[in-house]
Amino acid sequence: MLPFDQVVTVHGATVLRVCRAVLPATDADDAWADTFLAALEAYPRLAADANVEAWLVTIAHRKAIDHIRRAAHRATPVAAVPEPVTDDAAPDLDLRRALARLPDKQRFAVVYHYLVGLPYAEIAEILGGTAAASRRAAADGIAALRKEGLAP
């Protein structure tokens, strides 16, 4: 097994893509850090033949959902509406907005398969369900994006 600092180097960008696909840019960095803190604690117990990337994506998915749940319970009063945060890593805001409008299962399946590159069987382990259901969710998500002219 790789030393943990190398795991972060190798898989850090993938984890950040997952967090940014699920969360607003303002929360994605926190979820990324939470992911690697949790992974650091559990890493010594990880099986030597485990798929580290899929394991980290699962943790990132759960940490992102935790952030969404916490935000739903937290009031944030402001004197004025802040300017929107731009995300230089994902310049296509139309695509980000279209992804955000997809139902959760479709959005996660599209992101995990097309952005992260996970096979449908691993997506099914993360989201629950079967590989066929994950494939269908991704196909439905891509079809919705095509209707908006945002997918080939």
Protein backbone atom coordinates (compact mmCIF):
# COMPACT_ATOMS: atom_id res chain seq x y z
CA MET A 1 0.00 0.00 0.00
CA LEU A 2 1.12 3.52 -0.75
CA PRO A 3 1.99 5.91 2.05
CA PHE A 4 -1.04 8.08 2.79
CA ASP A 5 0.54 11.30 1.51
CA GLN A 6 0.94 9.63 -1.89
CA VAL A 7 -2.71 8.50 -1.78
CA VAL A 8 -3.68 12.16 -1.36
CA THR A 9 -1.43 13.19 -4.24
CA VAL A 10 -2.71 10.47 -6.58
CA HIS A 11 -6.44 10.73 -5.75
CA GLY A 12 -6.84 14.28 -4.44
CA ALA A 13 -8.06 15.74 -7.73
CA THR A 14 -10.65 12.98 -8.19
CA VAL A 15 -12.01 13.51 -4.68
CA LEU A 16 -12.20 17.26 -5.29
CA ARG A 17 -14.13 16.71 -8.56
CA VAL A 18 -16.64 14.56 -6.68
CA CYS A 19 -17.03 17.17 -3.93
CA ARG A 20 -17.42 19.99 -6.46
CA ALA A 21 -20.00 18.04 -8.43
CA VAL A 22 -22.15 17.50 -5.35
CA LEU A 23 -21.58 20.73 -3.42
CA PRO A 24 -21.30 24.43 -4.07
CA ALA A 25 -17.70 25.53 -4.54
CA THR A 26 -17.75 27.20 -1.12
CA ASP A 27 -18.26 23.83 0.63
CA ALA A 28 -16.34 21.49 -1.67
CA ASP A 29 -12.93 22.21 -0.13
CA ASP A 30 -14.25 21.46 3.36
CA ALA A 31 -15.75 18.17 2.18
CA TRP A 32 -12.43 17.32 0.49
CA ALA A 33 -10.57 17.90 3.76
CA ASP A 34 -13.17 15.94 5.74
CA THR A 35 -12.80 13.07 3.27
CA PHE A 36 -9.06 12.79 3.73
CA LEU A 37 -9.26 13.20 7.52
CA ALA A 38 -11.70 10.29 7.69
CA ALA A 39 -9.62 8.29 5.20
CA LEU A 40 -6.42 8.91 7.17
CA GLU A 41 -8.00 7.36 10.24
CA ALA A 42 -9.35 4.33 8.38
CA TYR A 43 -6.47 3.79 5.92
CA PRO A 44 -4.43 1.44 8.13
CA ARG A 45 -7.41 -0.95 8.26
CA LEU A 46 -8.02 -0.91 4.49
CA ALA A 47 -7.48 -4.24 2.75
CA ALA A 48 -4.29 -4.34 0.71
CA ASP A 49 -6.20 -5.26 -2.47
CA ALA A 50 -8.89 -2.59 -2.03
CA ASN A 51 -9.71 -0.13 -4.80
CA VAL A 52 -8.49 3.02 -3.06
CA GLU A 53 -10.07 5.39 -5.57
CA ALA A 54 -13.54 3.86 -5.21
CA TRP A 55 -13.11 3.80 -1.42
CA LEU A 56 -12.21 7.51 -1.41
CA VAL A 57 -15.09 8.39 -3.74
CA THR A 58 -17.47 6.62 -1.36
CA ILE A 59 -16.11 8.61 1.58
CA ALA A 60 -16.26 11.86 -0.43
CA HIS A 61 -19.85 11.15 -1.44
CA ARG A 62 -20.86 10.59 2.17
CA LYS A 63 -18.98 13.67 3.42
CA ALA A 64 -20.61 15.81 0.73
CA ILE A 65 -24.05 14.53 1.75
CA ASP A 66 -23.16 15.33 5.38
CA HIS A 67 -22.36 18.91 4.31
CA ILE A 68 -25.71 19.19 2.52
CA ARG A 69 -27.55 17.93 5.60
CA ARG A 70 -25.71 20.30 7.92
CA ALA A 71 -26.37 23.25 5.62
CA ALA A 72 -30.08 22.44 5.55
CA HIS A 73 -30.20 22.89 9.32
CA ARG A 74 -28.07 26.00 9.50
CA ALA A 75 -29.44 29.49 9.09
CA THR A 76 -27.09 32.01 7.53
CA PRO A 77 -28.44 35.53 7.81
CA VAL A 78 -26.73 38.08 5.59
CA ALA A 79 -27.07 41.83 5.22
CA ALA A 80 -26.68 41.66 1.46
CA VAL A 81 -26.64 38.90 -1.10
CA PRO A 82 -23.00 38.00 -1.84
CA GLU A 83 -21.61 37.82 -5.33
CA PRO A 84 -21.66 34.30 -6.76
CA VAL A 85 -18.49 32.29 -6.29
CA THR A 86 -16.83 31.37 -9.56
CA ASP A 87 -15.16 28.04 -9.94
CA ASP A 88 -12.10 28.21 -12.20
CA ALA A 89 -11.83 24.41 -12.23
CA ALA A 90 -15.23 24.09 -13.93
CA PRO A 91 -15.65 27.06 -16.29
CA ASP A 92 -18.79 25.70 -17.94
CA LEU A 93 -21.38 27.10 -15.54
CA ASP A 94 -24.25 26.01 -17.79
CA LEU A 95 -23.16 22.40 -17.39
CA ARG A 96 -22.74 22.80 -13.62
CA ARG A 97 -26.23 24.28 -13.36
CA ALA A 98 -27.71 21.53 -15.53
CA LEU A 99 -26.00 18.88 -13.41
CA ALA A 100 -27.38 20.52 -10.26
CA ARG A 101 -30.92 20.26 -11.68
CA LEU A 102 -30.66 16.50 -12.23
CA PRO A 103 -32.12 14.18 -9.60
CA ASP A 104 -29.45 13.05 -7.13
CA LYS A 105 -29.04 9.50 -8.45
CA GLN A 106 -28.68 10.72 -12.03
CA ARG A 107 -26.25 13.51 -11.10
CA PHE A 108 -24.08 11.22 -8.99
CA ALA A 109 -24.10 8.45 -11.62
CA VAL A 110 -23.11 10.91 -14.38
CA VAL A 111 -20.37 12.49 -12.27
CA TYR A 112 -18.94 9.23 -10.97
CA HIS A 113 -18.94 7.51 -14.35
CA TYR A 114 -18.09 10.33 -16.77
CA LEU A 115 -15.96 12.63 -14.59
CA VAL A 116 -14.36 10.17 -12.17
CA GLY A 117 -14.34 7.16 -14.50
CA LEU A 118 -15.78 4.59 -12.10
CA PRO A 119 -17.45 1.49 -13.54
CA TYR A 120 -21.17 1.08 -12.91
CA ALA A 121 -20.66 -1.77 -10.42
CA GLU A 122 -18.63 0.53 -8.16
CA ILE A 123 -21.15 3.33 -8.57
CA ALA A 124 -23.85 0.89 -7.45
CA GLU A 125 -21.84 0.12 -4.31
CA ILE A 126 -21.60 3.82 -3.53
CA LEU A 127 -25.20 4.79 -4.30
CA GLY A 128 -26.90 1.51 -3.48
CA GLY A 129 -28.74 -0.57 -6.04
CA THR A 130 -27.46 -2.49 -9.00
CA ALA A 131 -24.98 -1.79 -11.76
CA ALA A 132 -27.88 -1.80 -14.23
CA ALA A 133 -29.71 0.84 -12.18
CA SER A 134 -26.56 2.98 -12.07
CA ARG A 135 -26.15 2.62 -15.84
CA ARG A 136 -29.81 3.63 -16.35
CA ALA A 137 -29.45 6.64 -14.02
CA ALA A 138 -26.36 7.80 -15.91
CA ALA A 139 -28.08 7.29 -19.27
CA ASP A 140 -31.13 9.25 -18.11
CA GLY A 141 -28.88 12.02 -16.80
CA ILE A 142 -26.96 12.23 -20.07
CA ALA A 143 -30.25 12.27 -22.00
CA ALA A 144 -31.45 15.22 -19.89
CA LEU A 145 -28.16 17.04 -20.51
CA ARG A 146 -28.47 16.38 -24.25
CA LYS A 147 -31.92 17.95 -24.27
CA GLU A 148 -30.27 21.11 -22.95
CA GLY A 149 -27.52 20.84 -25.57
CA LEU A 150 -24.85 20.13 -22.96
CA ALA A 151 -23.82 16.58 -23.81
CA PRO A 152 -22.66 15.02 -27.08
